[in-house]
Amino acid sequence: MKPYKNKINRIRSFALGLIFFGFIIMYGAIFFRENAILVTIFMTLGLLSILASTGVYLWIGLLSTKAVQVVCPNCGKHTKVLGRVDMCMYCKEPLTLDPSLEGQEFDQSLNRKR
């Protein structure tokens, strides 16, 4: 079985990865201290990566406000459902708001419109 993550957490993890990637690129400029053009390129790419991360965080924050908040039947904690199927943020329980999908095997492809 494939390990699934809650959609909101998955996107937040991607944004955090962009920040670390940006810092790594910026630190890569240390190896080219003698060449100002390469240092500028590395620093600019790192800055763009961090700005992209800021945009992703803004987007997921706005998307998170539109998500439906439900109580997980397994752990009893409040979690947000984004799309037709999603996972609980805490216990990884498959959740759906669509009655026609209840009882089906959890699959991310169920979120696609048919």
C-alpha atoms as a PDB file:
ATOM      1  CA  MET A   1       0.000   0.000   0.000  1.00  0.00           C
ATOM      2  CA  LYS A   2       1.247   3.447  -0.916  1.00  0.00           C
ATOM      3  CA  PRO A   3       1.748   5.880   2.002  1.00  0.00           C
ATOM      4  CA  TYR A   4      -0.731   8.730   1.635  1.00  0.00           C
ATOM      5  CA  LYS A   5      -0.578  12.125   3.283  1.00  0.00           C
ATOM      6  CA  ASN A   6      -3.178  14.766   3.858  1.00  0.00           C
ATOM      7  CA  LYS A   7      -3.242  17.149   0.868  1.00  0.00           C
ATOM      8  CA  ILE A   8      -2.731  20.290   2.921  1.00  0.00           C
ATOM      9  CA  ASN A   9       0.271  18.795   4.737  1.00  0.00           C
ATOM     10  CA  ARG A  10       1.730  17.515   1.463  1.00  0.00           C
ATOM     11  CA  ILE A  11       1.625  20.984  -0.103  1.00  0.00           C
ATOM     12  CA  ARG A  12       3.059  22.578   3.041  1.00  0.00           C
ATOM     13  CA  SER A  13       5.908  20.056   2.975  1.00  0.00           C
ATOM     14  CA  PHE A  14       6.595  20.980  -0.652  1.00  0.00           C
ATOM     15  CA  ALA A  15       6.757  24.676   0.298  1.00  0.00           C
ATOM     16  CA  LEU A  16       9.163  23.904   3.154  1.00  0.00           C
ATOM     17  CA  GLY A  17      11.306  21.918   0.716  1.00  0.00           C
ATOM     18  CA  LEU A  18      11.435  24.955  -1.580  1.00  0.00           C
ATOM     19  CA  ILE A  19      12.813  27.031   1.288  1.00  0.00           C
ATOM     20  CA  PHE A  20      15.559  24.512   2.056  1.00  0.00           C
ATOM     21  CA  PHE A  21      16.325  24.149  -1.649  1.00  0.00           C
ATOM     22  CA  GLY A  22      16.667  27.931  -1.925  1.00  0.00           C
ATOM     23  CA  PHE A  23      19.081  28.078   0.999  1.00  0.00           C
ATOM     24  CA  ILE A  24      21.174  25.231  -0.430  1.00  0.00           C
ATOM     25  CA  ILE A  25      21.402  27.043  -3.768  1.00  0.00           C
ATOM     26  CA  MET A  26      22.440  30.232  -1.985  1.00  0.00           C
ATOM     27  CA  TYR A  27      25.123  28.388  -0.031  1.00  0.00           C
ATOM     28  CA  GLY A  28      26.341  26.982  -3.343  1.00  0.00           C
ATOM     29  CA  ALA A  29      27.412  30.526  -4.222  1.00  0.00           C
ATOM     30  CA  ILE A  30      30.242  30.179  -1.681  1.00  0.00           C
ATOM     31  CA  PHE A  31      32.119  27.910  -4.096  1.00  0.00           C
ATOM     32  CA  PHE A  32      32.126  30.643  -6.753  1.00  0.00           C
ATOM     33  CA  ARG A  33      33.233  33.635  -4.654  1.00  0.00           C
ATOM     34  CA  GLU A  34      35.692  34.790  -7.296  1.00  0.00           C
ATOM     35  CA  ASN A  35      33.063  35.010 -10.036  1.00  0.00           C
ATOM     36  CA  ALA A  36      30.527  37.728  -9.202  1.00  0.00           C
ATOM     37  CA  ILE A  37      28.170  36.738 -12.014  1.00  0.00           C
ATOM     38  CA  LEU A  38      27.829  33.146 -10.782  1.00  0.00           C
ATOM     39  CA  VAL A  39      27.340  34.327  -7.201  1.00  0.00           C
ATOM     40  CA  THR A  40      24.589  36.657  -8.393  1.00  0.00           C
ATOM     41  CA  ILE A  41      22.929  33.848 -10.368  1.00  0.00           C
ATOM     42  CA  PHE A  42      23.022  31.429  -7.410  1.00  0.00           C
ATOM     43  CA  MET A  43      21.705  34.056  -4.975  1.00  0.00           C
ATOM     44  CA  THR A  44      18.933  35.065  -7.379  1.00  0.00           C
ATOM     45  CA  LEU A  45      17.851  31.456  -7.970  1.00  0.00           C
ATOM     46  CA  GLY A  46      17.808  30.838  -4.222  1.00  0.00           C
ATOM     47  CA  LEU A  47      15.770  33.977  -3.635  1.00  0.00           C
ATOM     48  CA  LEU A  48      13.303  32.971  -6.367  1.00  0.00           C
ATOM     49  CA  SER A  49      12.903  29.564  -4.741  1.00  0.00           C
ATOM     50  CA  ILE A  50      12.139  31.165  -1.384  1.00  0.00           C
ATOM     51  CA  LEU A  51       9.687  33.603  -3.001  1.00  0.00           C
ATOM     52  CA  ALA A  52       7.992  30.668  -4.761  1.00  0.00           C
ATOM     53  CA  SER A  53       7.679  28.989  -1.367  1.00  0.00           C
ATOM     54  CA  THR A  54       6.025  32.120   0.007  1.00  0.00           C
ATOM     55  CA  GLY A  55       3.542  31.998  -2.868  1.00  0.00           C
ATOM     56  CA  VAL A  56       2.789  28.322  -2.217  1.00  0.00           C
ATOM     57  CA  TYR A  57       2.242  29.025   1.496  1.00  0.00           C
ATOM     58  CA  LEU A  58      -0.114  31.885   0.587  1.00  0.00           C
ATOM     59  CA  TRP A  59      -2.009  29.669  -1.874  1.00  0.00           C
ATOM     60  CA  ILE A  60      -2.417  26.746   0.550  1.00  0.00           C
ATOM     61  CA  GLY A  61      -3.443  29.141   3.306  1.00  0.00           C
ATOM     62  CA  LEU A  62      -6.230  30.504   1.126  1.00  0.00           C
ATOM     63  CA  LEU A  63      -7.167  26.982   0.039  1.00  0.00           C
ATOM     64  CA  SER A  64      -7.176  25.804   3.649  1.00  0.00           C
ATOM     65  CA  THR A  65      -9.803  28.391   4.591  1.00  0.00           C
ATOM     66  CA  LYS A  66     -12.151  26.865   1.995  1.00  0.00           C
ATOM     67  CA  ALA A  67     -11.584  23.265   3.121  1.00  0.00           C
ATOM     68  CA  VAL A  68     -14.385  21.514   4.974  1.00  0.00           C
ATOM     69  CA  GLN A  69     -13.590  20.862   8.630  1.00  0.00           C
ATOM     70  CA  VAL A  70     -14.810  17.488   9.921  1.00  0.00           C
ATOM     71  CA  VAL A  71     -14.335  15.336  12.998  1.00  0.00           C
ATOM     72  CA  CYS A  72     -12.391  12.171  12.199  1.00  0.00           C
ATOM     73  CA  PRO A  73     -14.440   9.086  13.140  1.00  0.00           C
ATOM     74  CA  ASN A  74     -11.263   7.181  14.055  1.00  0.00           C
ATOM     75  CA  CYS A  75      -9.348   9.583  16.336  1.00  0.00           C
ATOM     76  CA  GLY A  76     -12.051  12.174  17.114  1.00  0.00           C
ATOM     77  CA  LYS A  77      -9.865  15.168  16.174  1.00  0.00           C
ATOM     78  CA  HIS A  78     -10.877  18.008  13.869  1.00  0.00           C
ATOM     79  CA  THR A  79      -9.285  17.766  10.427  1.00  0.00           C
ATOM     80  CA  LYS A  80      -9.819  19.396   7.042  1.00  0.00           C
ATOM     81  CA  VAL A  81     -10.996  17.568   3.939  1.00  0.00           C
ATOM     82  CA  LEU A  82      -9.874  18.963   0.611  1.00  0.00           C
ATOM     83  CA  GLY A  83     -11.546  17.457  -2.462  1.00  0.00           C
ATOM     84  CA  ARG A  84     -13.720  14.339  -2.616  1.00  0.00           C
ATOM     85  CA  VAL A  85     -11.344  12.116  -0.619  1.00  0.00           C
ATOM     86  CA  ASP A  86      -8.574  12.999   1.810  1.00  0.00           C
ATOM     87  CA  MET A  87      -6.698  11.594   4.788  1.00  0.00           C
ATOM     88  CA  CYS A  88      -6.997  12.608   8.431  1.00  0.00           C
ATOM     89  CA  MET A  89      -4.049  14.854   9.361  1.00  0.00           C
ATOM     90  CA  TYR A  90      -3.453  12.889  12.553  1.00  0.00           C
ATOM     91  CA  CYS A  91      -4.299   9.189  12.142  1.00  0.00           C
ATOM     92  CA  LYS A  92      -4.238   8.833   8.300  1.00  0.00           C
ATOM     93  CA  GLU A  93      -7.838   7.578   8.203  1.00  0.00           C
ATOM     94  CA  PRO A  94      -9.365   7.864   4.693  1.00  0.00           C
ATOM     95  CA  LEU A  95     -12.178  10.419   4.709  1.00  0.00           C
ATOM     96  CA  THR A  96     -14.803  11.339   2.129  1.00  0.00           C
ATOM     97  CA  LEU A  97     -17.781  13.654   1.983  1.00  0.00           C
ATOM     98  CA  ASP A  98     -19.230  11.890  -1.079  1.00  0.00           C
ATOM     99  CA  PRO A  99     -21.700   9.138  -0.044  1.00  0.00           C
ATOM    100  CA  SER A 100     -21.145   7.302  -3.348  1.00  0.00           C
ATOM    101  CA  LEU A 101     -17.472   6.724  -2.432  1.00  0.00           C
ATOM    102  CA  GLU A 102     -18.053   5.250   1.032  1.00  0.00           C
ATOM    103  CA  GLY A 103     -16.677   1.742   1.369  1.00  0.00           C
ATOM    104  CA  GLN A 104     -14.408   2.015  -1.683  1.00  0.00           C
ATOM    105  CA  GLU A 105     -10.656   1.480  -1.476  1.00  0.00           C
ATOM    106  CA  PHE A 106      -8.906   4.813  -0.877  1.00  0.00           C
ATOM    107  CA  ASP A 107      -7.198   6.193  -3.968  1.00  0.00           C
ATOM    108  CA  GLN A 108      -6.102   9.742  -4.803  1.00  0.00           C
ATOM    109  CA  SER A 109      -7.485   9.310  -8.332  1.00  0.00           C
ATOM    110  CA  LEU A 110     -11.007   9.536  -6.875  1.00  0.00           C
ATOM    111  CA  ASN A 111     -10.481  13.325  -6.656  1.00  0.00           C
ATOM    112  CA  ARG A 112     -10.317  13.643 -10.445  1.00  0.00           C
ATOM    113  CA  LYS A 113     -13.477  14.659 -12.207  1.00  0.00           C
ATOM    114  CA  ARG A 114     -14.741  11.946 -14.510  1.00  0.00           C
END
